[in-house]
Amino acid sequence: MAEEIKEEPGAESPLLNKLMSEAFDWSDSKLPVRDALWDYYMENNDHDTMKTGKDMEKYMDMSSDDLKAEVEKLLKK
């Protein structure tokens, strides 16, 4: 089972720095969640770094629960 994440109010979710395989039972990826999201957006934005950076901004203030739901929606196959 995935490990519980401790959050600090006003800080980015620690889930962003966890390995995908540690955060999600369905993943075997050794990438941090942050990098997996970055790669997803880069692929879908035709490798436009500026657009990908903008797309990633919302994840910096998202709660771990909301972030987990978004990652599952985007990356779970």
PDB file of N, CA and C in Angstrom:
ATOM      1  N   MET A   1       0.840  -1.186   0.000  1.00  0.00           N
ATOM      2  CA  MET A   1       0.000   0.000   0.000  1.00  0.00           C
ATOM      3  C   MET A   1       0.881   1.243   0.000  1.00  0.00           C
ATOM      4  N   ALA A   2       0.404   2.300  -0.653  1.00  0.00           N
ATOM      5  CA  ALA A   2       1.168   3.544  -0.739  1.00  0.00           C
ATOM      6  C   ALA A   2       1.311   4.173   0.644  1.00  0.00           C
ATOM      7  N   GLU A   3       2.439   4.815   0.843  1.00  0.00           N
ATOM      8  CA  GLU A   3       2.778   5.425   2.127  1.00  0.00           C
ATOM      9  C   GLU A   3       1.976   6.710   2.354  1.00  0.00           C
ATOM     10  N   GLU A   4       1.626   6.985   3.620  1.00  0.00           N
ATOM     11  CA  GLU A   4       0.925   8.213   3.997  1.00  0.00           C
ATOM     12  C   GLU A   4       1.854   9.417   3.817  1.00  0.00           C
ATOM     13  N   ILE A   5       1.312  10.531   3.317  1.00  0.00           N
ATOM     14  CA  ILE A   5       2.099  11.737   3.058  1.00  0.00           C
ATOM     15  C   ILE A   5       1.750  12.788   4.101  1.00  0.00           C
ATOM     16  N   LYS A   6       2.759  13.361   4.754  1.00  0.00           N
ATOM     17  CA  LYS A   6       2.548  14.450   5.716  1.00  0.00           C
ATOM     18  C   LYS A   6       2.695  15.778   5.001  1.00  0.00           C
ATOM     19  N   GLU A   7       1.698  16.653   5.184  1.00  0.00           N
ATOM     20  CA  GLU A   7       1.720  17.959   4.528  1.00  0.00           C
ATOM     21  C   GLU A   7       1.929  19.070   5.532  1.00  0.00           C
ATOM     22  N   GLU A   8       2.574  20.134   5.065  1.00  0.00           N
ATOM     23  CA  GLU A   8       2.694  21.355   5.849  1.00  0.00           C
ATOM     24  C   GLU A   8       1.868  22.421   5.152  1.00  0.00           C
ATOM     25  N   PRO A   9       1.006  23.124   5.901  1.00  0.00           N
ATOM     26  CA  PRO A   9       0.183  24.160   5.287  1.00  0.00           C
ATOM     27  C   PRO A   9       1.035  25.212   4.576  1.00  0.00           C
ATOM     28  N   GLY A  10       0.618  25.572   3.374  1.00  0.00           N
ATOM     29  CA  GLY A  10       1.309  26.612   2.618  1.00  0.00           C
ATOM     30  C   GLY A  10       2.525  26.135   1.852  1.00  0.00           C
ATOM     31  N   ALA A  11       2.895  24.870   2.015  1.00  0.00           N
ATOM     32  CA  ALA A  11       4.067  24.325   1.313  1.00  0.00           C
ATOM     33  C   ALA A  11       3.591  23.398   0.196  1.00  0.00           C
ATOM     34  N   GLU A  12       4.459  23.195  -0.796  1.00  0.00           N
ATOM     35  CA  GLU A  12       4.082  22.266  -1.861  1.00  0.00           C
ATOM     36  C   GLU A  12       3.995  20.852  -1.297  1.00  0.00           C
ATOM     37  N   SER A  13       3.199  20.048  -1.938  1.00  0.00           N
ATOM     38  CA  SER A  13       2.979  18.681  -1.469  1.00  0.00           C
ATOM     39  C   SER A  13       4.259  17.858  -1.535  1.00  0.00           C
ATOM     40  N   PRO A  14       4.578  17.143  -0.456  1.00  0.00           N
ATOM     41  CA  PRO A  14       5.741  16.252  -0.480  1.00  0.00           C
ATOM     42  C   PRO A  14       5.566  15.119  -1.496  1.00  0.00           C
ATOM     43  N   LEU A  15       4.335  14.889  -1.920  1.00  0.00           N
ATOM     44  CA  LEU A  15       4.071  13.863  -2.929  1.00  0.00           C
ATOM     45  C   LEU A  15       4.827  14.152  -4.224  1.00  0.00           C
ATOM     46  N   LEU A  16       5.063  15.417  -4.530  1.00  0.00           N
ATOM     47  CA  LEU A  16       5.778  15.784  -5.759  1.00  0.00           C
ATOM     48  C   LEU A  16       7.177  15.181  -5.815  1.00  0.00           C
ATOM     49  N   ASN A  17       7.796  14.986  -4.670  1.00  0.00           N
ATOM     50  CA  ASN A  17       9.169  14.485  -4.626  1.00  0.00           C
ATOM     51  C   ASN A  17       9.273  12.979  -4.395  1.00  0.00           C
ATOM     52  N   LYS A  18       8.152  12.325  -4.160  1.00  0.00           N
ATOM     53  CA  LYS A  18       8.166  10.869  -3.974  1.00  0.00           C
ATOM     54  C   LYS A  18       8.304  10.186  -5.325  1.00  0.00           C
ATOM     55  N   LEU A  19       8.936   9.031  -5.318  1.00  0.00           N
ATOM     56  CA  LEU A  19       9.017   8.240  -6.543  1.00  0.00           C
ATOM     57  C   LEU A  19       7.620   7.732  -6.894  1.00  0.00           C
ATOM     58  N   MET A  20       7.336   7.663  -8.171  1.00  0.00           N
ATOM     59  CA  MET A  20       6.033   7.167  -8.606  1.00  0.00           C
ATOM     60  C   MET A  20       5.749   5.791  -8.002  1.00  0.00           C
ATOM     61  N   SER A  21       6.743   4.923  -7.987  1.00  0.00           N
ATOM     62  CA  SER A  21       6.556   3.559  -7.472  1.00  0.00           C
ATOM     63  C   SER A  21       6.295   3.531  -5.967  1.00  0.00           C
ATOM     64  N   GLU A  22       6.746   4.553  -5.245  1.00  0.00           N
ATOM     65  CA  GLU A  22       6.482   4.642  -3.806  1.00  0.00           C
ATOM     66  C   GLU A  22       5.118   5.262  -3.526  1.00  0.00           C
ATOM     67  N   ALA A  23       4.696   6.165  -4.383  1.00  0.00           N
ATOM     68  CA  ALA A  23       3.454   6.901  -4.155  1.00  0.00           C
ATOM     69  C   ALA A  23       2.219   6.169  -4.678  1.00  0.00           C
ATOM     70  N   PHE A  24       2.420   5.325  -5.699  1.00  0.00           N
ATOM     71  CA  PHE A  24       1.287   4.666  -6.357  1.00  0.00           C
ATOM     72  C   PHE A  24       1.568   3.177  -6.533  1.00  0.00           C
ATOM     73  N   ASP A  25       0.648   2.368  -6.045  1.00  0.00           N
ATOM     74  CA  ASP A  25       0.792   0.915  -6.160  1.00  0.00           C
ATOM     75  C   ASP A  25       0.820   0.452  -7.614  1.00  0.00           C
ATOM     76  N   TRP A  26       0.191   1.198  -8.501  1.00  0.00           N
ATOM     77  CA  TRP A  26       0.065   0.797  -9.901  1.00  0.00           C
ATOM     78  C   TRP A  26       1.268   1.188 -10.760  1.00  0.00           C
ATOM     79  N   SER A  27       2.227   1.902 -10.197  1.00  0.00           N
ATOM     80  CA  SER A  27       3.380   2.368 -10.975  1.00  0.00           C
ATOM     81  C   SER A  27       4.658   1.647 -10.564  1.00  0.00           C
ATOM     82  N   ASP A  28       5.502   1.374 -11.559  1.00  0.00           N
ATOM     83  CA  ASP A  28       6.831   0.832 -11.262  1.00  0.00           C
ATOM     84  C   ASP A  28       7.922   1.826 -11.661  1.00  0.00           C
ATOM     85  N   SER A  29       7.513   3.051 -11.980  1.00  0.00           N
ATOM     86  CA  SER A  29       8.444   4.096 -12.411  1.00  0.00           C
ATOM     87  C   SER A  29       9.297   4.583 -11.244  1.00  0.00           C
ATOM     88  N   LYS A  30      10.567   4.810 -11.513  1.00  0.00           N
ATOM     89  CA  LYS A  30      11.496   5.335 -10.510  1.00  0.00           C
ATOM     90  C   LYS A  30      11.627   6.857 -10.608  1.00  0.00           C
ATOM     91  N   LEU A  31      10.797   7.479 -11.439  1.00  0.00           N
ATOM     92  CA  LEU A  31      10.792   8.941 -11.534  1.00  0.00           C
ATOM     93  C   LEU A  31      10.034   9.544 -10.360  1.00  0.00           C
ATOM     94  N   PRO A  32      10.461  10.714  -9.880  1.00  0.00           N
ATOM     95  CA  PRO A  32       9.628  11.442  -8.919  1.00  0.00           C
ATOM     96  C   PRO A  32       8.310  11.854  -9.593  1.00  0.00           C
ATOM     97  N   VAL A  33       7.270  11.999  -8.813  1.00  0.00           N
ATOM     98  CA  VAL A  33       5.961  12.397  -9.337  1.00  0.00           C
ATOM     99  C   VAL A  33       6.093  13.686 -10.147  1.00  0.00           C
ATOM    100  N   ARG A  34       6.861  14.643  -9.646  1.00  0.00           N
ATOM    101  CA  ARG A  34       7.067  15.923 -10.333  1.00  0.00           C
ATOM    102  C   ARG A  34       7.601  15.701 -11.755  1.00  0.00           C
ATOM    103  N   ASP A  35       8.594  14.826 -11.896  1.00  0.00           N
ATOM    104  CA  ASP A  35       9.198  14.566 -13.205  1.00  0.00           C
ATOM    105  C   ASP A  35       8.248  13.811 -14.126  1.00  0.00           C
ATOM    106  N   ALA A  36       7.463  12.899 -13.563  1.00  0.00           N
ATOM    107  CA  ALA A  36       6.494  12.159 -14.371  1.00  0.00           C
ATOM    108  C   ALA A  36       5.446  13.113 -14.942  1.00  0.00           C
ATOM    109  N   LEU A  37       4.978  14.058 -14.121  1.00  0.00           N
ATOM    110  CA  LEU A  37       4.031  15.060 -14.615  1.00  0.00           C
ATOM    111  C   LEU A  37       4.681  15.941 -15.675  1.00  0.00           C
ATOM    112  N   TRP A  38       5.912  16.368 -15.428  1.00  0.00           N
ATOM    113  CA  TRP A  38       6.639  17.212 -16.388  1.00  0.00           C
ATOM    114  C   TRP A  38       6.754  16.494 -17.736  1.00  0.00           C
ATOM    115  N   ASP A  39       7.157  15.238 -17.697  1.00  0.00           N
ATOM    116  CA  ASP A  39       7.302  14.464 -18.935  1.00  0.00           C
ATOM    117  C   ASP A  39       5.973  14.326 -19.668  1.00  0.00           C
ATOM    118  N   TYR A  40       4.900  14.094 -18.919  1.00  0.00           N
ATOM    119  CA  TYR A  40       3.569  13.980 -19.514  1.00  0.00           C
ATOM    120  C   TYR A  40       3.211  15.264 -20.261  1.00  0.00           C
ATOM    121  N   TYR A  41       3.379  16.405 -19.592  1.00  0.00           N
ATOM    122  CA  TYR A  41       3.025  17.674 -20.231  1.00  0.00           C
ATOM    123  C   TYR A  41       3.957  18.019 -21.387  1.00  0.00           C
ATOM    124  N   MET A  42       5.239  17.723 -21.259  1.00  0.00           N
ATOM    125  CA  MET A  42       6.164  17.988 -22.372  1.00  0.00           C
ATOM    126  C   MET A  42       5.736  17.208 -23.615  1.00  0.00           C
ATOM    127  N   GLU A  43       5.380  15.960 -23.443  1.00  0.00           N
ATOM    128  CA  GLU A  43       4.933  15.135 -24.576  1.00  0.00           C
ATOM    129  C   GLU A  43       3.653  15.697 -25.190  1.00  0.00           C
ATOM    130  N   ASN A  44       2.743  16.180 -24.355  1.00  0.00           N
ATOM    131  CA  ASN A  44       1.455  16.670 -24.840  1.00  0.00           C
ATOM    132  C   ASN A  44       1.478  18.125 -25.280  1.00  0.00           C
ATOM    133  N   ASN A  45       2.550  18.845 -24.989  1.00  0.00           N
ATOM    134  CA  ASN A  45       2.687  20.251 -25.385  1.00  0.00           C
ATOM    135  C   ASN A  45       3.707  20.420 -26.501  1.00  0.00           C
ATOM    136  N   ASP A  46       3.983  19.353 -27.221  1.00  0.00           N
ATOM    137  CA  ASP A  46       4.940  19.409 -28.330  1.00  0.00           C
ATOM    138  C   ASP A  46       6.295  19.935 -27.856  1.00  0.00           C
ATOM    139  N   HIS A  47       6.684  19.540 -26.645  1.00  0.00           N
ATOM    140  CA  HIS A  47       7.975  19.892 -26.027  1.00  0.00           C
ATOM    141  C   HIS A  47       8.160  21.406 -25.850  1.00  0.00           C
ATOM    142  N   ASP A  48       7.062  22.102 -25.568  1.00  0.00           N
ATOM    143  CA  ASP A  48       7.091  23.543 -25.303  1.00  0.00           C
ATOM    144  C   ASP A  48       7.325  23.751 -23.798  1.00  0.00           C
ATOM    145  N   THR A  49       8.550  24.125 -23.448  1.00  0.00           N
ATOM    146  CA  THR A  49       8.933  24.268 -22.043  1.00  0.00           C
ATOM    147  C   THR A  49       8.109  25.334 -21.331  1.00  0.00           C
ATOM    148  N   MET A  50       7.847  26.442 -21.986  1.00  0.00           N
ATOM    149  CA  MET A  50       7.088  27.528 -21.352  1.00  0.00           C
ATOM    150  C   MET A  50       5.656  27.071 -21.033  1.00  0.00           C
ATOM    151  N   LYS A  51       5.016  26.413 -21.975  1.00  0.00           N
ATOM    152  CA  LYS A  51       3.646  25.938 -21.755  1.00  0.00           C
ATOM    153  C   LYS A  51       3.629  24.864 -20.659  1.00  0.00           C
ATOM    154  N   THR A  52       4.602  23.975 -20.689  1.00  0.00           N
ATOM    155  CA  THR A  52       4.680  22.926 -19.671  1.00  0.00           C
ATOM    156  C   THR A  52       4.883  23.539 -18.284  1.00  0.00           C
ATOM    157  N   GLY A  53       5.741  24.543 -18.186  1.00  0.00           N
ATOM    158  CA  GLY A  53       5.950  25.238 -16.915  1.00  0.00           C
ATOM    159  C   GLY A  53       4.665  25.829 -16.384  1.00  0.00           C
ATOM    160  N   LYS A  54       3.879  26.429 -17.270  1.00  0.00           N
ATOM    161  CA  LYS A  54       2.588  27.003 -16.860  1.00  0.00           C
ATOM    162  C   LYS A  54       1.633  25.906 -16.389  1.00  0.00           C
ATOM    163  N   ASP A  55       1.611  24.790 -17.127  1.00  0.00           N
ATOM    164  CA  ASP A  55       0.736  23.679 -16.744  1.00  0.00           C
ATOM    165  C   ASP A  55       1.121  23.097 -15.386  1.00  0.00           C
ATOM    166  N   MET A  56       2.385  23.137 -15.051  1.00  0.00           N
ATOM    167  CA  MET A  56       2.872  22.560 -13.795  1.00  0.00           C
ATOM    168  C   MET A  56       2.602  23.451 -12.582  1.00  0.00           C
ATOM    169  N   GLU A  57       2.392  24.740 -12.790  1.00  0.00           N
ATOM    170  CA  GLU A  57       2.214  25.685 -11.676  1.00  0.00           C
ATOM    171  C   GLU A  57       1.110  25.264 -10.718  1.00  0.00           C
ATOM    172  N   LYS A  58      -0.002  24.776 -11.254  1.00  0.00           N
ATOM    173  CA  LYS A  58      -1.146  24.425 -10.395  1.00  0.00           C
ATOM    174  C   LYS A  58      -0.802  23.327  -9.388  1.00  0.00           C
ATOM    175  N   TYR A  59       0.157  22.484  -9.720  1.00  0.00           N
ATOM    176  CA  TYR A  59       0.521  21.382  -8.828  1.00  0.00           C
ATOM    177  C   TYR A  59       1.346  21.843  -7.633  1.00  0.00           C
ATOM    178  N   MET A  60       1.921  23.017  -7.708  1.00  0.00           N
ATOM    179  CA  MET A  60       2.771  23.512  -6.626  1.00  0.00           C
ATOM    180  C   MET A  60       1.966  23.862  -5.373  1.00  0.00           C
ATOM    181  N   ASP A  61       0.688  24.202  -5.527  1.00  0.00           N
ATOM    182  CA  ASP A  61      -0.154  24.590  -4.394  1.00  0.00           C
ATOM    183  C   ASP A  61      -1.254  23.573  -4.093  1.00  0.00           C
ATOM    184  N   MET A  62      -1.251  22.475  -4.796  1.00  0.00           N
ATOM    185  CA  MET A  62      -2.313  21.479  -4.675  1.00  0.00           C
ATOM    186  C   MET A  62      -2.075  20.591  -3.445  1.00  0.00           C
ATOM    187  N   SER A  63      -3.154  20.212  -2.791  1.00  0.00           N
ATOM    188  CA  SER A  63      -3.034  19.279  -1.659  1.00  0.00           C
ATOM    189  C   SER A  63      -2.593  17.912  -2.184  1.00  0.00           C
ATOM    190  N   SER A  64      -2.056  17.103  -1.313  1.00  0.00           N
ATOM    191  CA  SER A  64      -1.609  15.762  -1.714  1.00  0.00           C
ATOM    192  C   SER A  64      -2.764  14.920  -2.244  1.00  0.00           C
ATOM    193  N   ASP A  65      -3.933  15.041  -1.624  1.00  0.00           N
ATOM    194  CA  ASP A  65      -5.094  14.269  -2.086  1.00  0.00           C
ATOM    195  C   ASP A  65      -5.508  14.683  -3.491  1.00  0.00           C
ATOM    196  N   ASP A  66      -5.566  16.000  -3.730  1.00  0.00           N
ATOM    197  CA  ASP A  66      -5.931  16.491  -5.059  1.00  0.00           C
ATOM    198  C   ASP A  66      -4.865  16.124  -6.084  1.00  0.00           C
ATOM    199  N   LEU A  67      -3.608  16.245  -5.684  1.00  0.00           N
ATOM    200  CA  LEU A  67      -2.496  15.909  -6.571  1.00  0.00           C
ATOM    201  C   LEU A  67      -2.539  14.429  -6.940  1.00  0.00           C
ATOM    202  N   LYS A  68      -2.787  13.592  -5.961  1.00  0.00           N
ATOM    203  CA  LYS A  68      -2.854  12.151  -6.212  1.00  0.00           C
ATOM    204  C   LYS A  68      -3.965  11.832  -7.211  1.00  0.00           C
ATOM    205  N   ALA A  69      -5.114  12.466  -7.042  1.00  0.00           N
ATOM    206  CA  ALA A  69      -6.234  12.244  -7.961  1.00  0.00           C
ATOM    207  C   ALA A  69      -5.881  12.697  -9.379  1.00  0.00           C
ATOM    208  N   GLU A  70      -5.216  13.835  -9.499  1.00  0.00           N
ATOM    209  CA  GLU A  70      -4.812  14.344 -10.818  1.00  0.00           C
ATOM    210  C   GLU A  70      -3.805  13.417 -11.489  1.00  0.00           C
ATOM    211  N   VAL A  71      -2.823  12.955 -10.727  1.00  0.00           N
ATOM    212  CA  VAL A  71      -1.803  12.056 -11.284  1.00  0.00           C
ATOM    213  C   VAL A  71      -2.461  10.766 -11.762  1.00  0.00           C
ATOM    214  N   GLU A  72      -3.371  10.235 -10.969  1.00  0.00           N
ATOM    215  CA  GLU A  72      -4.058   9.007 -11.379  1.00  0.00           C
ATOM    216  C   GLU A  72      -4.868   9.231 -12.644  1.00  0.00           C
ATOM    217  N   LYS A  73      -5.527  10.377 -12.743  1.00  0.00           N
ATOM    218  CA  LYS A  73      -6.324  10.687 -13.925  1.00  0.00           C
ATOM    219  C   LYS A  73      -5.441  10.796 -15.173  1.00  0.00           C
ATOM    220  N   LEU A  74      -4.272  11.409 -15.031  1.00  0.00           N
ATOM    221  CA  LEU A  74      -3.403  11.646 -16.184  1.00  0.00           C
ATOM    222  C   LEU A  74      -2.488  10.473 -16.525  1.00  0.00           C
ATOM    223  N   LEU A  75      -1.961   9.798 -15.519  1.00  0.00           N
ATOM    224  CA  LEU A  75      -0.870   8.857 -15.762  1.00  0.00           C
ATOM    225  C   LEU A  75      -1.207   7.381 -15.559  1.00  0.00           C
ATOM    226  N   LYS A  76      -2.292   7.087 -14.854  1.00  0.00           N
ATOM    227  CA  LYS A  76      -2.619   5.675 -14.622  1.00  0.00           C
ATOM    228  C   LYS A  76      -3.149   5.070 -15.916  1.00  0.00           C
ATOM    229  N   LYS A  77      -2.571   3.945 -16.291  1.00  0.00           N
ATOM    230  CA  LYS A  77      -2.976   3.303 -17.555  1.00  0.00           C
ATOM    231  C   LYS A  77      -3.836   2.098 -17.308  1.00  0.00           C
TER     232      LYS A  77
END
